[in-house]
């Protein structure tokens, strides 16, 4: 399986990553922890930008919808006004004027229907956009929470290391890839094999 390339795909992978499993089975937990923290910080920054863009687009769509609804109400008002004037002209025997007002009323009614149709078509799109933004914001909140946990673990490791004998520098991380689903799959398979061995 290939790793996700989009920001949203990487958000999903980070939100599903088993942090404890990664660190518990790591030969270089300190270095891997730093790698994970960097990954979360990077994706969170990208996600915040994308979500801001989506929210801005949603606000523009909502403004267009509100404008269509307002225009529909205004044209309905003009339709009723022209229709009433047509009836008044008809009652006073002014047939040409009555016909002109009737034509105007028909035009206004058509405009009201058009704006109502646009507003109705936009409504489900807004609902979908809004639901999508809320979902992304929820995932982003989860990523921030996970990052806090990682940073707390870094502080804990740092405190545990205080006073300890200085050893060699932590090796550079070369094998961990939180965005590669095959990494977790490999750990899962290894765990299954390990458990199978206890049954022999």
N, C-alpha and C. Protein backbone atom coordinates (compact mmCIF):
# COMPACT_ATOMS: atom_id res chain seq x y z
N UNK A 1 0.84 -1.20 0.00
CA UNK A 1 0.00 0.00 0.00
C UNK A 1 0.88 1.24 0.00
N UNK A 2 0.52 2.22 -0.81
CA UNK A 2 1.29 3.45 -0.89
C UNK A 2 0.86 4.41 0.20
N UNK A 3 1.82 5.23 0.62
CA UNK A 3 1.48 6.21 1.64
C UNK A 3 0.64 7.32 1.00
N UNK A 4 -0.15 7.99 1.85
CA UNK A 4 -1.03 9.06 1.37
C UNK A 4 -0.20 10.27 0.98
N UNK A 5 -0.65 10.92 -0.08
CA UNK A 5 0.06 12.10 -0.56
C UNK A 5 -0.65 13.40 -0.20
N UNK A 6 -1.98 13.38 -0.12
CA UNK A 6 -2.72 14.61 0.17
C UNK A 6 -2.65 14.94 1.65
N UNK A 7 -2.89 16.22 1.95
CA UNK A 7 -2.90 16.65 3.35
C UNK A 7 -3.98 15.89 4.12
N UNK A 8 -5.15 15.72 3.47
CA UNK A 8 -6.27 15.08 4.16
C UNK A 8 -5.97 13.60 4.41
N UNK A 9 -5.29 12.96 3.45
CA UNK A 9 -4.91 11.57 3.63
C UNK A 9 -3.90 11.41 4.76
N UNK A 10 -2.96 12.35 4.82
CA UNK A 10 -1.94 12.29 5.88
C UNK A 10 -2.56 12.60 7.24
N UNK A 11 -3.55 13.49 7.24
CA UNK A 11 -4.28 13.76 8.49
C UNK A 11 -4.94 12.47 8.98
N UNK A 12 -5.57 11.76 8.05
CA UNK A 12 -6.27 10.52 8.42
C UNK A 12 -5.28 9.49 8.96
N UNK A 13 -4.14 9.36 8.30
CA UNK A 13 -3.15 8.38 8.74
C UNK A 13 -2.60 8.72 10.12
N UNK A 14 -2.34 9.99 10.36
CA UNK A 14 -1.82 10.39 11.67
C UNK A 14 -2.88 10.20 12.76
N UNK A 15 -4.15 10.44 12.39
CA UNK A 15 -5.21 10.29 13.39
C UNK A 15 -5.44 8.82 13.75
N UNK A 16 -5.05 7.91 12.84
CA UNK A 16 -5.23 6.48 13.10
C UNK A 16 -3.95 5.79 13.57
N UNK A 17 -2.83 6.50 13.52
CA UNK A 17 -1.55 5.88 13.88
C UNK A 17 -1.55 5.46 15.35
N UNK A 18 -1.05 4.27 15.59
CA UNK A 18 -0.93 3.77 16.96
C UNK A 18 0.42 4.21 17.53
N UNK A 19 0.40 5.37 18.17
CA UNK A 19 1.64 5.97 18.67
C UNK A 19 2.35 5.05 19.66
N UNK A 20 1.57 4.51 20.60
CA UNK A 20 2.17 3.64 21.62
C UNK A 20 2.84 2.43 20.98
N UNK A 21 2.17 1.83 19.99
CA UNK A 21 2.74 0.65 19.34
C UNK A 21 4.03 1.00 18.61
N UNK A 22 4.03 2.16 17.96
CA UNK A 22 5.23 2.58 17.24
C UNK A 22 6.41 2.76 18.19
N UNK A 23 6.16 3.46 19.29
CA UNK A 23 7.24 3.74 20.23
C UNK A 23 7.64 2.52 21.05
N UNK A 24 6.64 1.70 21.42
CA UNK A 24 6.94 0.52 22.24
C UNK A 24 7.77 -0.50 21.50
N UNK A 25 7.63 -0.55 20.17
CA UNK A 25 8.37 -1.52 19.38
C UNK A 25 9.58 -0.90 18.67
N UNK A 26 9.91 0.31 19.08
CA UNK A 26 11.01 1.03 18.42
C UNK A 26 12.34 0.73 19.10
N UNK A 27 13.39 0.61 18.28
CA UNK A 27 14.74 0.45 18.81
C UNK A 27 15.35 1.81 19.15
N UNK A 28 14.74 2.87 18.62
CA UNK A 28 15.24 4.22 18.87
C UNK A 28 14.06 5.11 19.27
N UNK A 29 13.46 4.89 20.44
CA UNK A 29 12.24 5.61 20.83
C UNK A 29 12.42 7.13 20.89
N UNK A 30 13.56 7.61 21.37
CA UNK A 30 13.75 9.05 21.47
C UNK A 30 13.78 9.70 20.09
N UNK A 31 14.56 9.10 19.19
CA UNK A 31 14.65 9.65 17.83
C UNK A 31 13.31 9.52 17.11
N UNK A 32 12.64 8.38 17.30
CA UNK A 32 11.35 8.18 16.66
C UNK A 32 10.31 9.16 17.20
N UNK A 33 10.40 9.45 18.49
CA UNK A 33 9.48 10.41 19.09
C UNK A 33 9.66 11.79 18.46
N UNK A 34 10.90 12.19 18.26
CA UNK A 34 11.16 13.48 17.62
C UNK A 34 10.63 13.50 16.18
N UNK A 35 10.79 12.36 15.50
CA UNK A 35 10.29 12.26 14.12
C UNK A 35 8.77 12.41 14.10
N UNK A 36 8.10 11.73 15.03
CA UNK A 36 6.65 11.79 15.10
C UNK A 36 6.18 13.21 15.40
N UNK A 37 6.82 13.86 16.35
CA UNK A 37 6.45 15.23 16.70
C UNK A 37 6.59 16.14 15.48
N UNK A 38 7.70 15.98 14.76
CA UNK A 38 7.89 16.78 13.55
C UNK A 38 6.82 16.52 12.51
N UNK A 39 6.41 15.25 12.36
CA UNK A 39 5.37 14.89 11.40
C UNK A 39 4.05 15.53 11.76
N UNK A 40 3.70 15.45 13.04
CA UNK A 40 2.43 16.05 13.49
C UNK A 40 2.43 17.56 13.32
N UNK A 41 3.53 18.20 13.69
CA UNK A 41 3.61 19.66 13.56
C UNK A 41 3.45 20.08 12.10
N UNK A 42 4.12 19.36 11.21
CA UNK A 42 4.07 19.69 9.78
C UNK A 42 2.66 19.53 9.21
N UNK A 43 2.03 18.38 9.51
CA UNK A 43 0.70 18.12 8.95
C UNK A 43 -0.34 19.05 9.57
N UNK A 44 -0.21 19.35 10.86
CA UNK A 44 -1.15 20.26 11.50
C UNK A 44 -1.09 21.63 10.85
N UNK A 45 0.12 22.12 10.57
CA UNK A 45 0.27 23.43 9.92
C UNK A 45 -0.38 23.43 8.54
N UNK A 46 -0.16 22.37 7.77
CA UNK A 46 -0.77 22.26 6.44
C UNK A 46 -2.29 22.16 6.55
N UNK A 47 -2.75 21.38 7.53
CA UNK A 47 -4.19 21.18 7.71
C UNK A 47 -4.88 22.49 8.08
N UNK A 48 -4.26 23.26 8.95
CA UNK A 48 -4.84 24.54 9.36
C UNK A 48 -5.03 25.46 8.15
N UNK A 49 -4.04 25.46 7.27
CA UNK A 49 -4.14 26.30 6.07
C UNK A 49 -5.27 25.83 5.16
N UNK A 50 -5.35 24.51 4.93
CA UNK A 50 -6.40 23.97 4.06
C UNK A 50 -7.79 24.20 4.64
N UNK A 51 -7.91 24.02 5.94
CA UNK A 51 -9.21 24.21 6.58
C UNK A 51 -9.63 25.68 6.51
N UNK A 52 -8.67 26.58 6.72
CA UNK A 52 -8.98 28.02 6.59
C UNK A 52 -9.49 28.33 5.18
N UNK A 53 -8.87 27.71 4.18
CA UNK A 53 -9.30 27.94 2.79
C UNK A 53 -10.72 27.40 2.58
N UNK A 54 -11.00 26.23 3.14
CA UNK A 54 -12.33 25.65 3.00
C UNK A 54 -13.39 26.48 3.72
N UNK A 55 -13.03 27.00 4.89
CA UNK A 55 -13.96 27.84 5.64
C UNK A 55 -14.25 29.12 4.86
N UNK A 56 -13.22 29.70 4.26
CA UNK A 56 -13.41 30.91 3.46
C UNK A 56 -14.33 30.64 2.27
N UNK A 57 -14.12 29.51 1.60
CA UNK A 57 -14.97 29.14 0.46
C UNK A 57 -16.40 28.92 0.93
N UNK A 58 -16.56 28.29 2.09
CA UNK A 58 -17.90 28.05 2.63
C UNK A 58 -18.60 29.36 2.93
N UNK A 59 -17.89 30.31 3.52
CA UNK A 59 -18.50 31.60 3.84
C UNK A 59 -18.95 32.34 2.58
N UNK A 60 -18.18 32.23 1.50
CA UNK A 60 -18.57 32.86 0.24
C UNK A 60 -19.84 32.20 -0.32
N UNK A 61 -19.89 30.87 -0.25
CA UNK A 61 -21.07 30.15 -0.73
C UNK A 61 -22.29 30.51 0.11
N UNK A 62 -22.10 30.62 1.41
CA UNK A 62 -23.22 31.01 2.28
C UNK A 62 -23.70 32.42 1.96
N UNK A 63 -22.75 33.30 1.65
CA UNK A 63 -23.12 34.68 1.29
C UNK A 63 -23.91 34.70 -0.01
N UNK A 64 -23.48 33.89 -0.98
CA UNK A 64 -24.22 33.79 -2.25
C UNK A 64 -25.63 33.27 -2.01
N UNK A 65 -25.75 32.27 -1.16
CA UNK A 65 -27.06 31.69 -0.86
C UNK A 65 -27.97 32.72 -0.20
N UNK A 66 -27.42 33.46 0.77
CA UNK A 66 -28.20 34.49 1.44
C UNK A 66 -28.64 35.57 0.46
N UNK A 67 -27.76 35.89 -0.48
CA UNK A 67 -28.09 36.89 -1.50
C UNK A 67 -29.23 36.41 -2.40
N UNK A 68 -29.18 35.11 -2.77
CA UNK A 68 -30.24 34.54 -3.60
C UNK A 68 -31.57 34.53 -2.86
N UNK A 69 -31.53 34.18 -1.59
CA UNK A 69 -32.77 34.16 -0.80
C UNK A 69 -33.35 35.57 -0.69
N UNK A 70 -32.48 36.55 -0.43
CA UNK A 70 -32.94 37.93 -0.32
C UNK A 70 -33.50 38.43 -1.65
N UNK A 71 -32.85 38.08 -2.75
CA UNK A 71 -33.32 38.49 -4.08
C UNK A 71 -34.67 37.86 -4.39
N UNK A 72 -34.85 36.60 -4.01
CA UNK A 72 -36.13 35.92 -4.21
C UNK A 72 -37.25 36.67 -3.49
N UNK A 73 -37.01 37.09 -2.25
CA UNK A 73 -38.02 37.82 -1.48
C UNK A 73 -38.33 39.16 -2.14
N UNK A 74 -37.30 39.85 -2.61
CA UNK A 74 -37.50 41.15 -3.25
C UNK A 74 -38.31 41.02 -4.54
N UNK A 75 -37.98 40.00 -5.35
CA UNK A 75 -38.70 39.81 -6.60
C UNK A 75 -40.14 39.36 -6.35
N UNK A 76 -40.36 38.60 -5.30
CA UNK A 76 -41.74 38.23 -4.95
C UNK A 76 -42.55 39.47 -4.58
N UNK A 77 -41.89 40.37 -3.84
CA UNK A 77 -42.55 41.63 -3.48
C UNK A 77 -42.89 42.44 -4.74
N UNK A 78 -41.95 42.52 -5.67
CA UNK A 78 -42.20 43.26 -6.92
C UNK A 78 -43.30 42.58 -7.74
N UNK A 79 -43.33 41.26 -7.71
CA UNK A 79 -44.38 40.52 -8.42
C UNK A 79 -45.75 40.89 -7.86
N UNK A 80 -45.90 40.88 -6.54
CA UNK A 80 -47.19 41.20 -5.93
C UNK A 80 -47.59 42.65 -6.21
N UNK A 81 -46.60 43.54 -6.16
CA UNK A 81 -46.88 44.95 -6.41
C UNK A 81 -47.36 45.18 -7.84
N UNK A 82 -46.65 44.58 -8.81
CA UNK A 82 -47.05 44.74 -10.22
C UNK A 82 -48.40 44.07 -10.47
N UNK A 83 -48.65 42.94 -9.84
CA UNK A 83 -49.92 42.24 -10.01
C UNK A 83 -51.08 43.08 -9.46
N UNK A 84 -50.86 43.69 -8.30
CA UNK A 84 -51.91 44.53 -7.70
C UNK A 84 -52.19 45.76 -8.58
N UNK A 85 -51.12 46.34 -9.13
CA UNK A 85 -51.29 47.50 -10.02
C UNK A 85 -52.04 47.10 -11.29
N UNK A 86 -51.76 45.88 -11.79
CA UNK A 86 -52.46 45.39 -12.98
C UNK A 86 -53.95 45.24 -12.69
N UNK A 87 -54.29 44.72 -11.52
CA UNK A 87 -55.71 44.57 -11.17
C UNK A 87 -56.38 45.92 -10.99
N UNK A 88 -55.63 46.86 -10.37
CA UNK A 88 -56.19 48.20 -10.18
C UNK A 88 -56.44 48.88 -11.52
N UNK A 89 -55.49 48.73 -12.44
CA UNK A 89 -55.66 49.33 -13.77
C UNK A 89 -56.81 48.68 -14.52
N UNK A 90 -56.98 47.38 -14.35
CA UNK A 90 -58.05 46.66 -15.02
C UNK A 90 -59.41 47.14 -14.51
N UNK A 91 -59.50 47.36 -13.17
CA UNK A 91 -60.77 47.81 -12.59
C UNK A 91 -61.14 49.21 -13.05
N UNK A 92 -60.12 50.03 -13.31
CA UNK A 92 -60.41 51.39 -13.77
C UNK A 92 -60.48 51.51 -15.28
N UNK A 93 -60.49 50.36 -15.96
CA UNK A 93 -60.69 50.36 -17.40
C UNK A 93 -59.45 50.72 -18.20
N UNK A 94 -58.29 50.68 -17.59
CA UNK A 94 -57.06 51.00 -18.31
C UNK A 94 -56.39 49.69 -18.74
N UNK A 95 -56.94 49.13 -19.77
CA UNK A 95 -56.49 47.81 -20.22
C UNK A 95 -55.02 47.78 -20.67
N UNK A 96 -54.55 48.76 -21.47
CA UNK A 96 -53.14 48.71 -21.89
C UNK A 96 -52.17 48.71 -20.70
N UNK A 97 -52.48 49.59 -19.72
CA UNK A 97 -51.62 49.63 -18.54
C UNK A 97 -51.71 48.32 -17.74
N UNK A 98 -52.92 47.77 -17.70
CA UNK A 98 -53.10 46.51 -16.97
C UNK A 98 -52.27 45.40 -17.60
N UNK A 99 -52.24 45.38 -18.92
CA UNK A 99 -51.46 44.36 -19.62
C UNK A 99 -49.95 44.54 -19.38
N UNK A 100 -49.53 45.82 -19.34
CA UNK A 100 -48.12 46.09 -19.09
C UNK A 100 -47.71 45.66 -17.68
N UNK A 101 -48.55 45.99 -16.70
CA UNK A 101 -48.26 45.58 -15.33
C UNK A 101 -48.30 44.05 -15.18
N UNK A 102 -49.20 43.40 -15.92
CA UNK A 102 -49.28 41.94 -15.87
C UNK A 102 -47.99 41.32 -16.41
N UNK A 103 -47.48 41.91 -17.50
CA UNK A 103 -46.22 41.42 -18.08
C UNK A 103 -45.08 41.60 -17.08
N UNK A 104 -45.07 42.77 -16.41
CA UNK A 104 -44.03 43.01 -15.40
C UNK A 104 -44.16 42.04 -14.23
N UNK A 105 -45.39 41.74 -13.84
CA UNK A 105 -45.62 40.80 -12.74
C UNK A 105 -45.12 39.41 -13.12
N UNK A 106 -45.36 39.03 -14.37
CA UNK A 106 -44.91 37.73 -14.84
C UNK A 106 -43.39 37.64 -14.85
N UNK A 107 -42.76 38.74 -15.30
CA UNK A 107 -41.30 38.77 -15.32
C UNK A 107 -40.74 38.65 -13.90
N UNK A 108 -41.32 39.42 -12.97
CA UNK A 108 -40.85 39.40 -11.59
C UNK A 108 -41.04 38.02 -10.96
N UNK A 109 -42.14 37.37 -11.29
CA UNK A 109 -42.40 36.02 -10.76
C UNK A 109 -41.34 35.05 -11.27
N UNK A 110 -40.97 35.20 -12.54
CA UNK A 110 -39.94 34.34 -13.12
C UNK A 110 -38.60 34.53 -12.44
N UNK A 111 -38.27 35.78 -12.15
CA UNK A 111 -37.01 36.06 -11.45
C UNK A 111 -37.02 35.46 -10.05
N UNK A 112 -38.15 35.58 -9.37
CA UNK A 112 -38.25 35.01 -8.02
C UNK A 112 -38.05 33.50 -8.05
N UNK A 113 -38.64 32.85 -9.05
CA UNK A 113 -38.50 31.40 -9.18
C UNK A 113 -37.04 31.02 -9.45
N UNK A 114 -36.38 31.81 -10.29
CA UNK A 114 -34.97 31.53 -10.60
C UNK A 114 -34.09 31.62 -9.36
N UNK A 115 -34.26 32.71 -8.61
CA UNK A 115 -33.44 32.86 -7.40
C UNK A 115 -33.76 31.78 -6.36
N UNK A 116 -35.03 31.40 -6.28
CA UNK A 116 -35.42 30.34 -5.35
C UNK A 116 -34.76 29.02 -5.75
N UNK A 117 -34.71 28.77 -7.06
CA UNK A 117 -34.09 27.55 -7.57
C UNK A 117 -32.60 27.52 -7.26
N UNK A 118 -31.92 28.65 -7.47
CA UNK A 118 -30.48 28.71 -7.17
C UNK A 118 -30.23 28.50 -5.68
N UNK A 119 -31.06 29.13 -4.87
CA UNK A 119 -30.89 28.98 -3.42
C UNK A 119 -31.12 27.53 -3.00
N UNK A 120 -32.13 26.88 -3.60
CA UNK A 120 -32.44 25.50 -3.25
C UNK A 120 -31.32 24.57 -3.68
N UNK A 121 -30.71 24.83 -4.83
CA UNK A 121 -29.61 23.99 -5.31
C UNK A 121 -28.35 24.17 -4.47
N UNK A 122 -28.16 25.37 -3.94
CA UNK A 122 -26.96 25.66 -3.15
C UNK A 122 -27.04 25.10 -1.74
N UNK A 123 -28.24 25.00 -1.19
CA UNK A 123 -28.42 24.58 0.21
C UNK A 123 -27.74 23.25 0.54
N UNK A 124 -27.98 22.17 -0.24
CA UNK A 124 -27.31 20.91 0.10
C UNK A 124 -25.79 20.98 -0.07
N UNK A 125 -25.32 21.80 -1.01
CA UNK A 125 -23.88 21.97 -1.19
C UNK A 125 -23.27 22.62 0.05
N UNK A 126 -23.97 23.61 0.60
CA UNK A 126 -23.51 24.26 1.83
C UNK A 126 -23.49 23.27 2.98
N UNK A 127 -24.54 22.46 3.06
CA UNK A 127 -24.61 21.46 4.14
C UNK A 127 -23.44 20.48 4.03
N UNK A 128 -23.13 20.06 2.81
CA UNK A 128 -22.02 19.14 2.60
C UNK A 128 -20.69 19.78 2.95
N UNK A 129 -20.49 21.03 2.51
CA UNK A 129 -19.26 21.75 2.82
C UNK A 129 -19.10 21.92 4.32
N UNK A 130 -20.20 22.29 4.98
CA UNK A 130 -20.17 22.52 6.42
C UNK A 130 -19.82 21.25 7.17
N UNK A 131 -20.43 20.13 6.75
CA UNK A 131 -20.14 18.85 7.40
C UNK A 131 -18.67 18.46 7.19
N UNK A 132 -18.17 18.71 5.97
CA UNK A 132 -16.77 18.40 5.68
C UNK A 132 -15.81 19.21 6.52
N UNK A 133 -16.11 20.50 6.67
CA UNK A 133 -15.26 21.37 7.48
C UNK A 133 -15.27 20.92 8.94
N UNK A 134 -16.47 20.60 9.45
CA UNK A 134 -16.57 20.16 10.85
C UNK A 134 -15.78 18.87 11.07
N UNK A 135 -15.84 17.96 10.09
CA UNK A 135 -15.09 16.71 10.22
C UNK A 135 -13.59 16.98 10.26
N UNK A 136 -13.12 17.84 9.35
CA UNK A 136 -11.69 18.16 9.31
C UNK A 136 -11.25 18.87 10.59
N UNK A 137 -12.11 19.75 11.11
CA UNK A 137 -11.78 20.44 12.36
C UNK A 137 -11.70 19.45 13.52
N UNK A 138 -12.57 18.43 13.48
CA UNK A 138 -12.54 17.40 14.52
C UNK A 138 -11.25 16.59 14.44
N UNK A 139 -10.85 16.22 13.21
CA UNK A 139 -9.60 15.47 13.03
C UNK A 139 -8.41 16.34 13.45
N UNK A 140 -8.46 17.62 13.10
CA UNK A 140 -7.37 18.53 13.48
C UNK A 140 -7.26 18.63 15.00
N UNK A 141 -8.39 18.70 15.69
CA UNK A 141 -8.38 18.76 17.15
C UNK A 141 -7.76 17.50 17.72
N UNK A 142 -8.06 16.35 17.09
CA UNK A 142 -7.48 15.08 17.54
C UNK A 142 -5.96 15.08 17.33
N UNK A 143 -5.52 15.61 16.19
CA UNK A 143 -4.07 15.67 15.92
C UNK A 143 -3.37 16.56 16.94
N UNK A 144 -3.99 17.68 17.28
CA UNK A 144 -3.39 18.58 18.26
C UNK A 144 -3.29 17.88 19.62
N UNK A 145 -4.34 17.12 19.96
CA UNK A 145 -4.34 16.39 21.22
C UNK A 145 -3.23 15.34 21.24
N UNK A 146 -3.07 14.63 20.11
CA UNK A 146 -2.02 13.62 20.00
C UNK A 146 -0.64 14.27 20.09
N UNK A 147 -0.50 15.44 19.48
CA UNK A 147 0.78 16.14 19.55
C UNK A 147 1.10 16.53 20.99
N UNK A 148 0.10 16.95 21.75
CA UNK A 148 0.31 17.29 23.15
C UNK A 148 0.81 16.07 23.93
N UNK A 149 0.23 14.90 23.62
CA UNK A 149 0.65 13.66 24.28
C UNK A 149 2.12 13.36 23.95
N UNK A 150 2.46 13.52 22.68
CA UNK A 150 3.84 13.26 22.26
C UNK A 150 4.81 14.23 22.94
N UNK A 151 4.43 15.49 23.01
CA UNK A 151 5.31 16.48 23.64
C UNK A 151 5.45 16.20 25.13
N UNK A 152 4.37 15.70 25.75
CA UNK A 152 4.45 15.35 27.17
C UNK A 152 5.39 14.16 27.36
N UNK A 153 5.35 13.21 26.44
CA UNK A 153 6.25 12.06 26.52
C UNK A 153 7.70 12.49 26.32
N UNK A 154 7.90 13.48 25.47
CA UNK A 154 9.26 13.98 25.26
C UNK A 154 9.79 14.61 26.55
N UNK A 155 8.93 15.38 27.22
CA UNK A 155 9.34 15.98 28.49
C UNK A 155 9.64 14.89 29.51
N UNK A 156 8.80 13.86 29.54
CA UNK A 156 9.00 12.75 30.47
C UNK A 156 10.33 12.04 30.21
N UNK A 157 10.60 11.78 28.93
CA UNK A 157 11.87 11.12 28.58
C UNK A 157 13.05 12.00 28.94
N UNK A 158 12.87 13.31 28.74
CA UNK A 158 13.94 14.25 29.05
C UNK A 158 14.24 14.24 30.55
N UNK A 159 13.18 14.19 31.37
CA UNK A 159 13.36 14.16 32.82
C UNK A 159 14.01 12.86 33.26
N UNK A 160 13.60 11.77 32.62
CA UNK A 160 14.17 10.47 32.97
C UNK A 160 15.65 10.39 32.63
N UNK A 161 16.00 11.15 31.58
CA UNK A 161 17.40 11.11 31.13
C UNK A 161 18.29 12.03 31.97
N UNK A 162 17.66 12.95 32.73
CA UNK A 162 18.44 13.89 33.53
C UNK A 162 19.23 13.15 34.61
N UNK A 163 20.49 13.40 34.68
CA UNK A 163 21.33 12.76 35.68
C UNK A 163 21.87 11.42 35.23
N UNK A 164 21.31 10.91 34.12
CA UNK A 164 21.80 9.61 33.63
C UNK A 164 23.16 9.82 32.97
N UNK A 165 23.88 8.77 32.90
CA UNK A 165 25.21 8.83 32.28
C UNK A 165 25.07 9.17 30.80
N UNK A 166 25.83 10.12 30.36
CA UNK A 166 25.76 10.53 28.96
C UNK A 166 26.24 9.41 28.05
N UNK A 167 25.43 9.08 27.09
CA UNK A 167 25.76 8.02 26.15
C UNK A 167 25.91 8.58 24.76
N UNK A 168 26.03 7.73 23.80
CA UNK A 168 26.15 8.20 22.43
C UNK A 168 24.88 8.89 21.96
N UNK A 169 25.01 9.75 21.00
CA UNK A 169 23.86 10.47 20.47
C UNK A 169 22.87 9.49 19.88
N UNK A 170 21.59 9.86 19.99
CA UNK A 170 20.55 8.99 19.45
C UNK A 170 20.73 8.86 17.94
N UNK A 171 20.61 7.64 17.43
CA UNK A 171 20.79 7.45 15.99
C UNK A 171 19.69 8.14 15.19
N UNK A 172 20.02 8.51 14.00
CA UNK A 172 19.04 9.14 13.12
C UNK A 172 17.98 8.13 12.70
N UNK A 173 16.74 8.60 12.66
CA UNK A 173 15.64 7.71 12.30
C UNK A 173 15.65 7.49 10.79
N UNK A 174 15.70 6.24 10.41
CA UNK A 174 15.71 5.94 8.98
C UNK A 174 14.62 4.94 8.59
N UNK A 175 14.08 4.23 9.58
CA UNK A 175 13.13 3.18 9.23
C UNK A 175 11.68 3.54 9.49
N UNK A 176 11.41 4.37 10.51
CA UNK A 176 10.03 4.68 10.86
C UNK A 176 9.39 5.57 9.80
N UNK A 177 8.16 5.28 9.47
CA UNK A 177 7.40 6.12 8.55
C UNK A 177 5.94 6.01 8.94
N UNK A 178 5.49 6.96 9.72
CA UNK A 178 4.12 6.91 10.23
C UNK A 178 3.08 7.00 9.11
N UNK A 179 3.52 7.50 7.95
CA UNK A 179 2.58 7.62 6.84
C UNK A 179 2.50 6.35 5.99
N UNK A 180 3.32 5.36 6.31
CA UNK A 180 3.33 4.12 5.54
C UNK A 180 2.51 3.06 6.28
N UNK A 181 1.29 2.75 5.77
CA UNK A 181 0.45 1.78 6.46
C UNK A 181 1.07 0.39 6.54
N UNK A 182 2.06 0.11 5.68
CA UNK A 182 2.69 -1.21 5.73
C UNK A 182 3.51 -1.38 6.99
N UNK A 183 3.97 -0.25 7.59
CA UNK A 183 4.75 -0.34 8.82
C UNK A 183 3.90 -0.94 9.94
N UNK A 184 2.69 -0.41 10.10
CA UNK A 184 1.81 -0.94 11.14
C UNK A 184 1.38 -2.36 10.80
N UNK A 185 1.17 -2.62 9.51
CA UNK A 185 0.79 -3.96 9.09
C UNK A 185 1.89 -4.96 9.42
N UNK A 186 3.14 -4.55 9.21
CA UNK A 186 4.26 -5.43 9.53
C UNK A 186 4.32 -5.72 11.01
N UNK A 187 4.09 -4.68 11.83
CA UNK A 187 4.09 -4.90 13.28
C UNK A 187 2.95 -5.83 13.70
N UNK A 188 1.81 -5.66 13.06
CA UNK A 188 0.67 -6.52 13.38
C UNK A 188 0.98 -7.97 13.04
N UNK A 189 1.54 -8.19 11.86
CA UNK A 189 1.88 -9.56 11.44
C UNK A 189 2.92 -10.17 12.37
N UNK A 190 3.89 -9.35 12.78
CA UNK A 190 4.92 -9.85 13.69
C UNK A 190 4.30 -10.25 15.02
N UNK A 191 3.33 -9.48 15.47
CA UNK A 191 2.65 -9.80 16.72
C UNK A 191 1.88 -11.12 16.61
N UNK A 192 1.22 -11.32 15.47
CA UNK A 192 0.47 -12.56 15.24
C UNK A 192 1.42 -13.76 15.26
N UNK A 193 2.56 -13.62 14.57
CA UNK A 193 3.55 -14.70 14.54
C UNK A 193 4.06 -15.00 15.95
N UNK A 194 4.31 -13.93 16.70
CA UNK A 194 4.80 -14.09 18.07
C UNK A 194 3.79 -14.86 18.92
N UNK A 195 2.51 -14.52 18.78
CA UNK A 195 1.48 -15.21 19.54
C UNK A 195 1.31 -16.66 19.10
N UNK A 196 1.49 -16.87 17.77
CA UNK A 196 1.37 -18.23 17.25
C UNK A 196 2.47 -19.14 17.85
N UNK A 197 3.64 -18.54 18.03
CA UNK A 197 4.76 -19.32 18.55
C UNK A 197 4.50 -19.83 19.95
N UNK A 198 3.66 -19.11 20.69
CA UNK A 198 3.35 -19.54 22.06
C UNK A 198 2.37 -20.70 22.07
N UNK A 199 1.77 -20.98 20.93
CA UNK A 199 0.80 -22.06 20.85
C UNK A 199 1.44 -23.39 20.45
N UNK A 200 2.68 -23.33 19.99
CA UNK A 200 3.36 -24.56 19.55
C UNK A 200 3.77 -25.43 20.73
